[in-house]
Amino acid sequence: MPGPSVSSTPRNDPASSRLETAAAVQSLGMSTPDHNTRILLDSRPHGEPTPDNFRFETVPVPEPAEGEVLLRTIYLSLDPYMRG
């Protein structure tokens, strides 16, 4: 009798979670290969941040200059201790 199936990727694997998040963002059409969607702080929150404190912008992906590289952020964490 076969034993229980075992996933090759643990459920709490951070890399797997990052890939799932990136796939979800891409499926929403937030960024394309030639455009980035960025979330900017529009106003400093007083207390808990709300959606009114942020704005979305879509901008062209810059071309790296000589000696530069272009990186793609897949996962970004903003933890509470960073709020200052």
PDB file of N, CA and C in Angstrom:
ATOM      1  N   MET A   1       0.846  -1.182   0.000  1.00  0.00           N
ATOM      2  CA  MET A   1       0.000   0.000   0.000  1.00  0.00           C
ATOM      3  C   MET A   1       0.890   1.244   0.000  1.00  0.00           C
ATOM      4  N   PRO A   2       0.691   2.199  -0.931  1.00  0.00           N
ATOM      5  CA  PRO A   2       1.549   3.382  -0.994  1.00  0.00           C
ATOM      6  C   PRO A   2       1.321   4.309   0.194  1.00  0.00           C
ATOM      7  N   GLY A   3       2.374   5.021   0.569  1.00  0.00           N
ATOM      8  CA  GLY A   3       2.290   5.978   1.672  1.00  0.00           C
ATOM      9  C   GLY A   3       1.691   7.296   1.206  1.00  0.00           C
ATOM     10  N   PRO A   4       1.591   8.267   2.102  1.00  0.00           N
ATOM     11  CA  PRO A   4       1.033   9.573   1.731  1.00  0.00           C
ATOM     12  C   PRO A   4       1.919  10.271   0.704  1.00  0.00           C
ATOM     13  N   SER A   5       1.288  11.052  -0.159  1.00  0.00           N
ATOM     14  CA  SER A   5       2.077  11.772  -1.154  1.00  0.00           C
ATOM     15  C   SER A   5       2.817  12.912  -0.470  1.00  0.00           C
ATOM     16  N   VAL A   6       3.998  13.178  -0.953  1.00  0.00           N
ATOM     17  CA  VAL A   6       4.831  14.236  -0.381  1.00  0.00           C
ATOM     18  C   VAL A   6       5.123  15.245  -1.480  1.00  0.00           C
ATOM     19  N   SER A   7       4.848  16.503  -1.196  1.00  0.00           N
ATOM     20  CA  SER A   7       5.134  17.562  -2.150  1.00  0.00           C
ATOM     21  C   SER A   7       6.619  17.844  -2.153  1.00  0.00           C
ATOM     22  N   SER A   8       7.165  18.123  -3.330  1.00  0.00           N
ATOM     23  CA  SER A   8       8.589  18.441  -3.389  1.00  0.00           C
ATOM     24  C   SER A   8       8.867  19.843  -2.863  1.00  0.00           C
ATOM     25  N   THR A   9       7.837  20.687  -2.753  1.00  0.00           N
ATOM     26  CA  THR A   9       7.989  22.035  -2.226  1.00  0.00           C
ATOM     27  C   THR A   9       7.148  22.169  -0.965  1.00  0.00           C
ATOM     28  N   PRO A  10       7.785  22.413   0.181  1.00  0.00           N
ATOM     29  CA  PRO A  10       7.007  22.582   1.410  1.00  0.00           C
ATOM     30  C   PRO A  10       6.042  23.757   1.304  1.00  0.00           C
ATOM     31  N   ARG A  11       4.929  23.675   2.022  1.00  0.00           N
ATOM     32  CA  ARG A  11       3.912  24.721   1.982  1.00  0.00           C
ATOM     33  C   ARG A  11       4.448  26.062   2.479  1.00  0.00           C
ATOM     34  N   ASN A  12       5.346  26.039   3.425  1.00  0.00           N
ATOM     35  CA  ASN A  12       5.836  27.298   3.992  1.00  0.00           C
ATOM     36  C   ASN A  12       7.165  27.728   3.373  1.00  0.00           C
ATOM     37  N   ASP A  13       7.482  27.211   2.207  1.00  0.00           N
ATOM     38  CA  ASP A  13       8.731  27.559   1.527  1.00  0.00           C
ATOM     39  C   ASP A  13       8.655  28.990   1.010  1.00  0.00           C
ATOM     40  N   PRO A  14       9.519  29.911   1.508  1.00  0.00           N
ATOM     41  CA  PRO A  14       9.462  31.309   1.074  1.00  0.00           C
ATOM     42  C   PRO A  14       9.645  31.483  -0.426  1.00  0.00           C
ATOM     43  N   ALA A  15      10.520  30.690  -1.037  1.00  0.00           N
ATOM     44  CA  ALA A  15      10.750  30.820  -2.480  1.00  0.00           C
ATOM     45  C   ALA A  15       9.489  30.485  -3.253  1.00  0.00           C
ATOM     46  N   SER A  16       8.797  29.443  -2.836  1.00  0.00           N
ATOM     47  CA  SER A  16       7.551  29.056  -3.496  1.00  0.00           C
ATOM     48  C   SER A  16       6.504  30.152  -3.338  1.00  0.00           C
ATOM     49  N   SER A  17       6.429  30.730  -2.155  1.00  0.00           N
ATOM     50  CA  SER A  17       5.482  31.810  -1.894  1.00  0.00           C
ATOM     51  C   SER A  17       5.782  33.020  -2.767  1.00  0.00           C
ATOM     52  N   ARG A  18       7.065  33.362  -2.923  1.00  0.00           N
ATOM     53  CA  ARG A  18       7.449  34.503  -3.757  1.00  0.00           C
ATOM     54  C   ARG A  18       7.059  34.266  -5.205  1.00  0.00           C
ATOM     55  N   LEU A  19       7.279  33.061  -5.695  1.00  0.00           N
ATOM     56  CA  LEU A  19       6.930  32.760  -7.078  1.00  0.00           C
ATOM     57  C   LEU A  19       5.423  32.831  -7.289  1.00  0.00           C
ATOM     58  N   GLU A  20       4.658  32.338  -6.320  1.00  0.00           N
ATOM     59  CA  GLU A  20       3.202  32.417  -6.419  1.00  0.00           C
ATOM     60  C   GLU A  20       2.736  33.868  -6.410  1.00  0.00           C
ATOM     61  N   THR A  21       3.340  34.697  -5.564  1.00  0.00           N
ATOM     62  CA  THR A  21       2.988  36.116  -5.503  1.00  0.00           C
ATOM     63  C   THR A  21       3.317  36.804  -6.824  1.00  0.00           C
ATOM     64  N   ALA A  22       4.496  36.540  -7.365  1.00  0.00           N
ATOM     65  CA  ALA A  22       4.891  37.149  -8.631  1.00  0.00           C
ATOM     66  C   ALA A  22       3.942  36.730  -9.750  1.00  0.00           C
ATOM     67  N   ALA A  23       3.553  35.459  -9.762  1.00  0.00           N
ATOM     68  CA  ALA A  23       2.622  34.987 -10.788  1.00  0.00           C
ATOM     69  C   ALA A  23       1.265  35.662 -10.636  1.00  0.00           C
ATOM     70  N   ALA A  24       0.825  35.860  -9.401  1.00  0.00           N
ATOM     71  CA  ALA A  24      -0.461  36.519  -9.167  1.00  0.00           C
ATOM     72  C   ALA A  24      -0.426  37.967  -9.627  1.00  0.00           C
ATOM     73  N   VAL A  25       0.655  38.681  -9.335  1.00  0.00           N
ATOM     74  CA  VAL A  25       0.790  40.075  -9.759  1.00  0.00           C
ATOM     75  C   VAL A  25       0.800  40.159 -11.275  1.00  0.00           C
ATOM     76  N   GLN A  26       1.559  39.264 -11.916  1.00  0.00           N
ATOM     77  CA  GLN A  26       1.632  39.289 -13.368  1.00  0.00           C
ATOM     78  C   GLN A  26       0.276  38.952 -13.985  1.00  0.00           C
ATOM     79  N   SER A  27      -0.483  38.035 -13.373  1.00  0.00           N
ATOM     80  CA  SER A  27      -1.793  37.671 -13.917  1.00  0.00           C
ATOM     81  C   SER A  27      -2.783  38.828 -13.799  1.00  0.00           C
ATOM     82  N   LEU A  28      -2.549  39.740 -12.863  1.00  0.00           N
ATOM     83  CA  LEU A  28      -3.412  40.913 -12.725  1.00  0.00           C
ATOM     84  C   LEU A  28      -3.062  41.999 -13.729  1.00  0.00           C
ATOM     85  N   GLY A  29      -1.972  41.807 -14.464  1.00  0.00           N
ATOM     86  CA  GLY A  29      -1.562  42.782 -15.460  1.00  0.00           C
ATOM     87  C   GLY A  29      -0.937  44.023 -14.856  1.00  0.00           C
ATOM     88  N   MET A  30      -0.402  43.905 -13.646  1.00  0.00           N
ATOM     89  CA  MET A  30       0.168  45.071 -12.985  1.00  0.00           C
ATOM     90  C   MET A  30       1.448  45.533 -13.656  1.00  0.00           C
ATOM     91  N   SER A  31       2.241  44.614 -14.175  1.00  0.00           N
ATOM     92  CA  SER A  31       3.471  44.979 -14.869  1.00  0.00           C
ATOM     93  C   SER A  31       3.576  44.154 -16.135  1.00  0.00           C
ATOM     94  N   THR A  32       4.152  44.734 -17.156  1.00  0.00           N
ATOM     95  CA  THR A  32       4.395  44.033 -18.404  1.00  0.00           C
ATOM     96  C   THR A  32       5.879  44.136 -18.690  1.00  0.00           C
ATOM     97  N   PRO A  33       6.393  43.383 -19.672  1.00  0.00           N
ATOM     98  CA  PRO A  33       7.836  43.451 -19.932  1.00  0.00           C
ATOM     99  C   PRO A  33       8.343  44.854 -20.270  1.00  0.00           C
ATOM    100  N   ASP A  34       7.498  45.722 -20.812  1.00  0.00           N
ATOM    101  CA  ASP A  34       7.971  47.053 -21.177  1.00  0.00           C
ATOM    102  C   ASP A  34       7.462  48.167 -20.262  1.00  0.00           C
ATOM    103  N   HIS A  35       6.621  47.828 -19.268  1.00  0.00           N
ATOM    104  CA  HIS A  35       6.101  48.821 -18.320  1.00  0.00           C
ATOM    105  C   HIS A  35       6.105  48.267 -16.901  1.00  0.00           C
ATOM    106  N   ASN A  36       6.362  49.138 -15.944  1.00  0.00           N
ATOM    107  CA  ASN A  36       6.298  48.791 -14.525  1.00  0.00           C
ATOM    108  C   ASN A  36       5.123  49.504 -13.889  1.00  0.00           C
ATOM    109  N   THR A  37       4.482  48.828 -12.952  1.00  0.00           N
ATOM    110  CA  THR A  37       3.497  49.486 -12.113  1.00  0.00           C
ATOM    111  C   THR A  37       4.144  49.664 -10.753  1.00  0.00           C
ATOM    112  N   ARG A  38       4.155  50.894 -10.285  1.00  0.00           N
ATOM    113  CA  ARG A  38       4.749  51.135  -8.979  1.00  0.00           C
ATOM    114  C   ARG A  38       3.718  51.747  -8.053  1.00  0.00           C
ATOM    115  N   ILE A  39       3.870  51.431  -6.796  1.00  0.00           N
ATOM    116  CA  ILE A  39       2.986  51.944  -5.755  1.00  0.00           C
ATOM    117  C   ILE A  39       3.792  52.963  -4.981  1.00  0.00           C
ATOM    118  N   LEU A  40       3.330  54.210  -4.988  1.00  0.00           N
ATOM    119  CA  LEU A  40       4.053  55.299  -4.346  1.00  0.00           C
ATOM    120  C   LEU A  40       3.312  55.802  -3.114  1.00  0.00           C
ATOM    121  N   LEU A  41       4.067  56.226  -2.124  1.00  0.00           N
ATOM    122  CA  LEU A  41       3.482  56.858  -0.950  1.00  0.00           C
ATOM    123  C   LEU A  41       3.082  58.275  -1.362  1.00  0.00           C
ATOM    124  N   ASP A  42       1.801  58.549  -1.357  1.00  0.00           N
ATOM    125  CA  ASP A  42       1.280  59.842  -1.798  1.00  0.00           C
ATOM    126  C   ASP A  42       1.187  60.842  -0.650  1.00  0.00           C
ATOM    127  N   SER A  43       0.947  60.346   0.556  1.00  0.00           N
ATOM    128  CA  SER A  43       0.882  61.209   1.739  1.00  0.00           C
ATOM    129  C   SER A  43       1.281  60.389   2.960  1.00  0.00           C
ATOM    130  N   ARG A  44       1.874  61.056   3.929  1.00  0.00           N
ATOM    131  CA  ARG A  44       2.305  60.361   5.148  1.00  0.00           C
ATOM    132  C   ARG A  44       1.075  59.972   5.971  1.00  0.00           C
ATOM    133  N   PRO A  45       0.965  58.678   6.316  1.00  0.00           N
ATOM    134  CA  PRO A  45      -0.185  58.239   7.118  1.00  0.00           C
ATOM    135  C   PRO A  45      -0.147  58.832   8.524  1.00  0.00           C
ATOM    136  N   HIS A  46      -1.302  59.146   9.032  1.00  0.00           N
ATOM    137  CA  HIS A  46      -1.473  59.522  10.437  1.00  0.00           C
ATOM    138  C   HIS A  46      -2.211  58.361  11.071  1.00  0.00           C
ATOM    139  N   GLY A  47      -1.481  57.507  11.811  1.00  0.00           N
ATOM    140  CA  GLY A  47      -2.063  56.271  12.318  1.00  0.00           C
ATOM    141  C   GLY A  47      -1.894  55.179  11.280  1.00  0.00           C
ATOM    142  N   GLU A  48      -2.910  54.308  11.147  1.00  0.00           N
ATOM    143  CA  GLU A  48      -2.859  53.204  10.198  1.00  0.00           C
ATOM    144  C   GLU A  48      -2.927  53.722   8.766  1.00  0.00           C
ATOM    145  N   PRO A  49      -2.079  53.197   7.858  1.00  0.00           N
ATOM    146  CA  PRO A  49      -2.157  53.610   6.456  1.00  0.00           C
ATOM    147  C   PRO A  49      -3.473  53.159   5.825  1.00  0.00           C
ATOM    148  N   THR A  50      -3.967  53.957   4.899  1.00  0.00           N
ATOM    149  CA  THR A  50      -5.178  53.618   4.149  1.00  0.00           C
ATOM    150  C   THR A  50      -4.841  53.690   2.661  1.00  0.00           C
ATOM    151  N   PRO A  51      -5.679  53.160   1.795  1.00  0.00           N
ATOM    152  CA  PRO A  51      -5.420  53.249   0.356  1.00  0.00           C
ATOM    153  C   PRO A  51      -5.256  54.685  -0.140  1.00  0.00           C
ATOM    154  N   ASP A  52      -5.855  55.662   0.553  1.00  0.00           N
ATOM    155  CA  ASP A  52      -5.720  57.065   0.149  1.00  0.00           C
ATOM    156  C   ASP A  52      -4.289  57.589   0.299  1.00  0.00           C
ATOM    157  N   ASN A  53      -3.450  56.898   1.079  1.00  0.00           N
ATOM    158  CA  ASN A  53      -2.069  57.318   1.278  1.00  0.00           C
ATOM    159  C   ASN A  53      -1.150  56.881   0.135  1.00  0.00           C
ATOM    160  N   PHE A  54      -1.670  56.118  -0.835  1.00  0.00           N
ATOM    161  CA  PHE A  54      -0.853  55.574  -1.904  1.00  0.00           C
ATOM    162  C   PHE A  54      -1.444  55.910  -3.259  1.00  0.00           C
ATOM    163  N   ARG A  55      -0.594  55.835  -4.300  1.00  0.00           N
ATOM    164  CA  ARG A  55      -1.080  55.980  -5.666  1.00  0.00           C
ATOM    165  C   ARG A  55      -0.300  55.031  -6.562  1.00  0.00           C
ATOM    166  N   PHE A  56      -0.946  54.602  -7.647  1.00  0.00           N
ATOM    167  CA  PHE A  56      -0.329  53.713  -8.621  1.00  0.00           C
ATOM    168  C   PHE A  56       0.134  54.526  -9.817  1.00  0.00           C
ATOM    169  N   GLU A  57       1.294  54.159 -10.364  1.00  0.00           N
ATOM    170  CA  GLU A  57       1.802  54.763 -11.591  1.00  0.00           C
ATOM    171  C   GLU A  57       2.295  53.645 -12.499  1.00  0.00           C
ATOM    172  N   THR A  58       2.067  53.798 -13.788  1.00  0.00           N
ATOM    173  CA  THR A  58       2.629  52.884 -14.775  1.00  0.00           C
ATOM    174  C   THR A  58       3.672  53.666 -15.566  1.00  0.00           C
ATOM    175  N   VAL A  59       4.892  53.167 -15.567  1.00  0.00           N
ATOM    176  CA  VAL A  59       6.009  53.861 -16.219  1.00  0.00           C
ATOM    177  C   VAL A  59       6.769  52.880 -17.103  1.00  0.00           C
ATOM    178  N   PRO A  60       7.442  53.386 -18.140  1.00  0.00           N
ATOM    179  CA  PRO A  60       8.252  52.499 -18.985  1.00  0.00           C
ATOM    180  C   PRO A  60       9.425  51.909 -18.199  1.00  0.00           C
ATOM    181  N   VAL A  61       9.808  50.696 -18.543  1.00  0.00           N
ATOM    182  CA  VAL A  61      10.984  50.072 -17.942  1.00  0.00           C
ATOM    183  C   VAL A  61      12.215  50.781 -18.494  1.00  0.00           C
ATOM    184  N   PRO A  62      13.102  51.266 -17.628  1.00  0.00           N
ATOM    185  CA  PRO A  62      14.285  51.986 -18.124  1.00  0.00           C
ATOM    186  C   PRO A  62      15.277  51.022 -18.777  1.00  0.00           C
ATOM    187  N   GLU A  63      16.038  51.544 -19.722  1.00  0.00           N
ATOM    188  CA  GLU A  63      17.132  50.787 -20.331  1.00  0.00           C
ATOM    189  C   GLU A  63      18.380  51.021 -19.486  1.00  0.00           C
ATOM    190  N   PRO A  64      19.056  49.961 -19.060  1.00  0.00           N
ATOM    191  CA  PRO A  64      20.273  50.163 -18.270  1.00  0.00           C
ATOM    192  C   PRO A  64      21.380  50.808 -19.113  1.00  0.00           C
ATOM    193  N   ALA A  65      22.100  51.711 -18.493  1.00  0.00           N
ATOM    194  CA  ALA A  65      23.235  52.370 -19.148  1.00  0.00           C
ATOM    195  C   ALA A  65      24.463  51.464 -19.057  1.00  0.00           C
ATOM    196  N   GLU A  66      25.527  51.881 -19.693  1.00  0.00           N
ATOM    197  CA  GLU A  66      26.778  51.124 -19.662  1.00  0.00           C
ATOM    198  C   GLU A  66      27.216  50.902 -18.212  1.00  0.00           C
ATOM    199  N   GLY A  67      27.502  49.648 -17.860  1.00  0.00           N
ATOM    200  CA  GLY A  67      27.952  49.309 -16.517  1.00  0.00           C
ATOM    201  C   GLY A  67      26.822  49.135 -15.510  1.00  0.00           C
ATOM    202  N   GLU A  68      25.562  49.252 -15.926  1.00  0.00           N
ATOM    203  CA  GLU A  68      24.409  49.072 -15.041  1.00  0.00           C
ATOM    204  C   GLU A  68      23.705  47.762 -15.370  1.00  0.00           C
ATOM    205  N   VAL A  69      22.891  47.299 -14.434  1.00  0.00           N
ATOM    206  CA  VAL A  69      22.054  46.124 -14.659  1.00  0.00           C
ATOM    207  C   VAL A  69      20.628  46.480 -14.279  1.00  0.00           C
ATOM    208  N   LEU A  70      19.689  45.792 -14.864  1.00  0.00           N
ATOM    209  CA  LEU A  70      18.280  45.983 -14.552  1.00  0.00           C
ATOM    210  C   LEU A  70      17.799  44.743 -13.808  1.00  0.00           C
ATOM    211  N   LEU A  71      17.285  44.927 -12.605  1.00  0.00           N
ATOM    212  CA  LEU A  71      16.809  43.825 -11.775  1.00  0.00           C
ATOM    213  C   LEU A  71      15.302  43.875 -11.653  1.00  0.00           C
ATOM    214  N   ARG A  72      14.695  42.725 -11.462  1.00  0.00           N
ATOM    215  CA  ARG A  72      13.254  42.637 -11.269  1.00  0.00           C
ATOM    216  C   ARG A  72      12.981  42.224  -9.833  1.00  0.00           C
ATOM    217  N   THR A  73      12.216  43.029  -9.117  1.00  0.00           N
ATOM    218  CA  THR A  73      11.844  42.705  -7.744  1.00  0.00           C
ATOM    219  C   THR A  73      10.667  41.751  -7.783  1.00  0.00           C
ATOM    220  N   ILE A  74      10.822  40.614  -7.128  1.00  0.00           N
ATOM    221  CA  ILE A  74       9.751  39.627  -7.097  1.00  0.00           C
ATOM    222  C   ILE A  74       8.974  39.726  -5.796  1.00  0.00           C
ATOM    223  N   TYR A  75       9.671  40.010  -4.718  1.00  0.00           N
ATOM    224  CA  TYR A  75       9.019  40.049  -3.412  1.00  0.00           C
ATOM    225  C   TYR A  75       9.637  41.165  -2.587  1.00  0.00           C
ATOM    226  N   LEU A  76       8.803  41.952  -1.937  1.00  0.00           N
ATOM    227  CA  LEU A  76       9.268  43.045  -1.105  1.00  0.00           C
ATOM    228  C   LEU A  76       8.482  43.008   0.201  1.00  0.00           C
ATOM    229  N   SER A  77       9.172  43.082   1.307  1.00  0.00           N
ATOM    230  CA  SER A  77       8.524  43.058   2.611  1.00  0.00           C
ATOM    231  C   SER A  77       8.725  44.382   3.327  1.00  0.00           C
ATOM    232  N   LEU A  78       7.654  44.978   3.773  1.00  0.00           N
ATOM    233  CA  LEU A  78       7.712  46.202   4.580  1.00  0.00           C
ATOM    234  C   LEU A  78       7.162  45.857   5.953  1.00  0.00           C
ATOM    235  N   ASP A  79       8.044  45.683   6.888  1.00  0.00           N
ATOM    236  CA  ASP A  79       7.663  45.244   8.220  1.00  0.00           C
ATOM    237  C   ASP A  79       7.313  46.425   9.116  1.00  0.00           C
ATOM    238  N   PRO A  80       6.475  46.192  10.123  1.00  0.00           N
ATOM    239  CA  PRO A  80       6.024  47.288  10.994  1.00  0.00           C
ATOM    240  C   PRO A  80       7.146  48.086  11.644  1.00  0.00           C
ATOM    241  N   TYR A  81       8.258  47.447  11.976  1.00  0.00           N
ATOM    242  CA  TYR A  81       9.340  48.180  12.635  1.00  0.00           C
ATOM    243  C   TYR A  81       9.961  49.217  11.714  1.00  0.00           C
ATOM    244  N   MET A  82       9.685  49.157  10.420  1.00  0.00           N
ATOM    245  CA  MET A  82      10.267  50.096   9.461  1.00  0.00           C
ATOM    246  C   MET A  82       9.468  51.404   9.354  1.00  0.00           C
ATOM    247  N   ARG A  83       8.339  51.496  10.032  1.00  0.00           N
ATOM    248  CA  ARG A  83       7.464  52.672   9.895  1.00  0.00           C
ATOM    249  C   ARG A  83       8.017  53.921  10.533  1.00  0.00           C
ATOM    250  N   GLY A  84       8.908  53.799  11.481  1.00  0.00           N
ATOM    251  CA  GLY A  84       9.557  54.958  12.107  1.00  0.00           C
ATOM    252  C   GLY A  84       8.610  55.927  12.603  1.00  0.00           C
TER     253      GLY A  84
END
